[in-house]
């Protein structure tokens, strides 16, 4: 190890060894993308069904309630994406709808 000194007090500090470039990436440093759906087929079905329901004249609430069972096991980011793309909600609106639908689902159990 190399020793260096800092400032005027001349206190020795050991340099940490630098990681090799061919070292594998530690698992805790790997970031998983939360926007990737667990089930891409149901994800696509939910968006298509939501767009069709909106086209048929259903309200955003009715549409969100209809497609929620397809995507209820997904990450919240995926649910927000379906609500924004399929139902035409804003980001804040999709958060509110998701929260309300989860709350209603818990009440009905």
Protein backbone atom coordinates (compact mmCIF):
# COMPACT_ATOMS: atom_id res chain seq x y z
CA UNK A 1 0.00 0.00 0.00
CA UNK A 2 1.11 3.51 -0.70
CA UNK A 3 1.05 6.10 2.04
CA UNK A 4 0.29 9.73 1.37
CA UNK A 5 0.05 12.76 3.58
CA UNK A 6 -2.75 15.28 3.78
CA UNK A 7 -2.55 18.95 4.68
CA UNK A 8 -0.13 20.51 7.10
CA UNK A 9 -0.46 17.95 9.89
CA UNK A 10 1.27 15.32 7.71
CA UNK A 11 -1.04 12.49 8.82
CA UNK A 12 -0.39 9.37 6.73
CA UNK A 13 -3.43 7.89 4.97
CA UNK A 14 -3.42 4.56 3.18
CA UNK A 15 -4.61 4.57 -0.41
CA UNK A 16 -7.36 2.11 -1.18
CA UNK A 17 -6.61 -0.32 -4.00
CA UNK A 18 -8.48 0.49 -7.19
CA UNK A 19 -10.79 -2.22 -8.54
CA UNK A 20 -9.68 -4.05 -11.62
CA UNK A 21 -11.58 -3.29 -14.80
CA UNK A 22 -12.34 -6.95 -15.45
CA UNK A 23 -13.92 -7.47 -12.01
CA UNK A 24 -17.60 -8.49 -12.17
CA UNK A 25 -20.12 -5.85 -11.18
CA UNK A 26 -21.34 -6.37 -7.60
CA UNK A 27 -25.00 -7.40 -7.41
CA UNK A 28 -25.94 -4.42 -5.23
CA UNK A 29 -24.74 -2.05 -7.96
CA UNK A 30 -26.96 -3.58 -10.66
CA UNK A 31 -30.10 -1.49 -11.07
CA UNK A 32 -33.17 -3.26 -12.36
CA UNK A 33 -35.44 -1.30 -14.66
CA UNK A 34 -38.78 -1.00 -12.89
CA UNK A 35 -40.61 -0.08 -16.07
CA UNK A 36 -40.25 -3.55 -17.57
CA UNK A 37 -43.52 -5.47 -17.14
CA UNK A 38 -43.47 -8.93 -15.57
CA UNK A 39 -45.96 -10.12 -18.18
CA UNK A 40 -45.54 -8.17 -21.45
CA UNK A 41 -48.57 -9.83 -23.05
CA UNK A 42 -50.98 -8.68 -20.32
CA UNK A 43 -49.29 -5.27 -20.40
CA UNK A 44 -50.01 -4.89 -24.13
CA UNK A 45 -53.55 -6.27 -23.69
CA UNK A 46 -54.26 -3.75 -20.92
CA UNK A 47 -53.11 -0.80 -23.05
CA UNK A 48 -55.07 -1.97 -26.10
CA UNK A 49 -58.19 -2.68 -24.03
CA UNK A 50 -57.95 0.74 -22.35
CA UNK A 51 -57.61 2.54 -25.68
CA UNK A 52 -60.60 0.65 -27.06
CA UNK A 53 -62.75 1.44 -24.01
CA UNK A 54 -61.88 5.15 -24.24
CA UNK A 55 -62.72 5.06 -27.94
CA UNK A 56 -66.08 3.43 -27.10
CA UNK A 57 -66.93 6.37 -24.83
CA UNK A 58 -66.15 4.94 -21.39
CA UNK A 59 -64.86 7.30 -18.72
CA UNK A 60 -61.29 7.19 -17.47
CA UNK A 61 -62.44 5.75 -14.15
CA UNK A 62 -64.40 2.94 -15.81
CA UNK A 63 -61.48 2.20 -18.10
CA UNK A 64 -58.94 2.10 -15.27
CA UNK A 65 -61.21 -0.21 -13.24
CA UNK A 66 -61.61 -2.52 -16.23
CA UNK A 67 -57.89 -2.92 -16.99
CA UNK A 68 -56.59 -2.92 -13.41
CA UNK A 69 -57.16 -6.67 -12.82
CA UNK A 70 -54.82 -7.42 -15.75
CA UNK A 71 -51.95 -5.40 -14.28
CA UNK A 72 -52.57 -5.45 -10.51
CA UNK A 73 -49.50 -7.66 -9.89
CA UNK A 74 -47.14 -5.33 -11.75
CA UNK A 75 -44.81 -2.67 -10.33
CA UNK A 76 -46.35 0.72 -9.73
CA UNK A 77 -44.32 2.24 -12.57
CA UNK A 78 -45.80 -0.26 -15.03
CA UNK A 79 -49.34 0.43 -13.78
CA UNK A 80 -48.75 4.17 -14.18
CA UNK A 81 -47.47 3.60 -17.70
CA UNK A 82 -50.63 1.66 -18.66
CA UNK A 83 -52.87 4.35 -17.18
CA UNK A 84 -50.99 7.13 -18.95
CA UNK A 85 -50.75 5.41 -22.35
CA UNK A 86 -54.06 3.57 -22.37
CA UNK A 87 -56.39 5.78 -20.33
CA UNK A 88 -54.87 9.14 -21.22
CA UNK A 89 -54.12 10.13 -17.63
CA UNK A 90 -51.35 12.41 -16.45
CA UNK A 91 -48.59 11.08 -14.21
CA UNK A 92 -50.23 12.50 -11.09
CA UNK A 93 -53.63 11.23 -12.20
CA UNK A 94 -52.28 7.73 -12.74
CA UNK A 95 -50.81 7.75 -9.22
CA UNK A 96 -54.16 8.77 -7.76
CA UNK A 97 -56.13 6.17 -9.73
CA UNK A 98 -53.69 3.40 -8.73
CA UNK A 99 -53.90 4.40 -5.07
CA UNK A 100 -57.72 4.48 -5.14
CA UNK A 101 -58.01 1.15 -6.97
CA UNK A 102 -55.67 -0.57 -4.51
CA UNK A 103 -57.61 0.90 -1.61
CA UNK A 104 -60.93 -0.28 -3.12
CA UNK A 105 -59.45 -3.72 -3.72
CA UNK A 106 -58.41 -3.98 -0.05
CA UNK A 107 -61.85 -2.86 1.13
CA UNK A 108 -63.63 -5.50 -0.93
CA UNK A 109 -61.59 -8.35 0.60
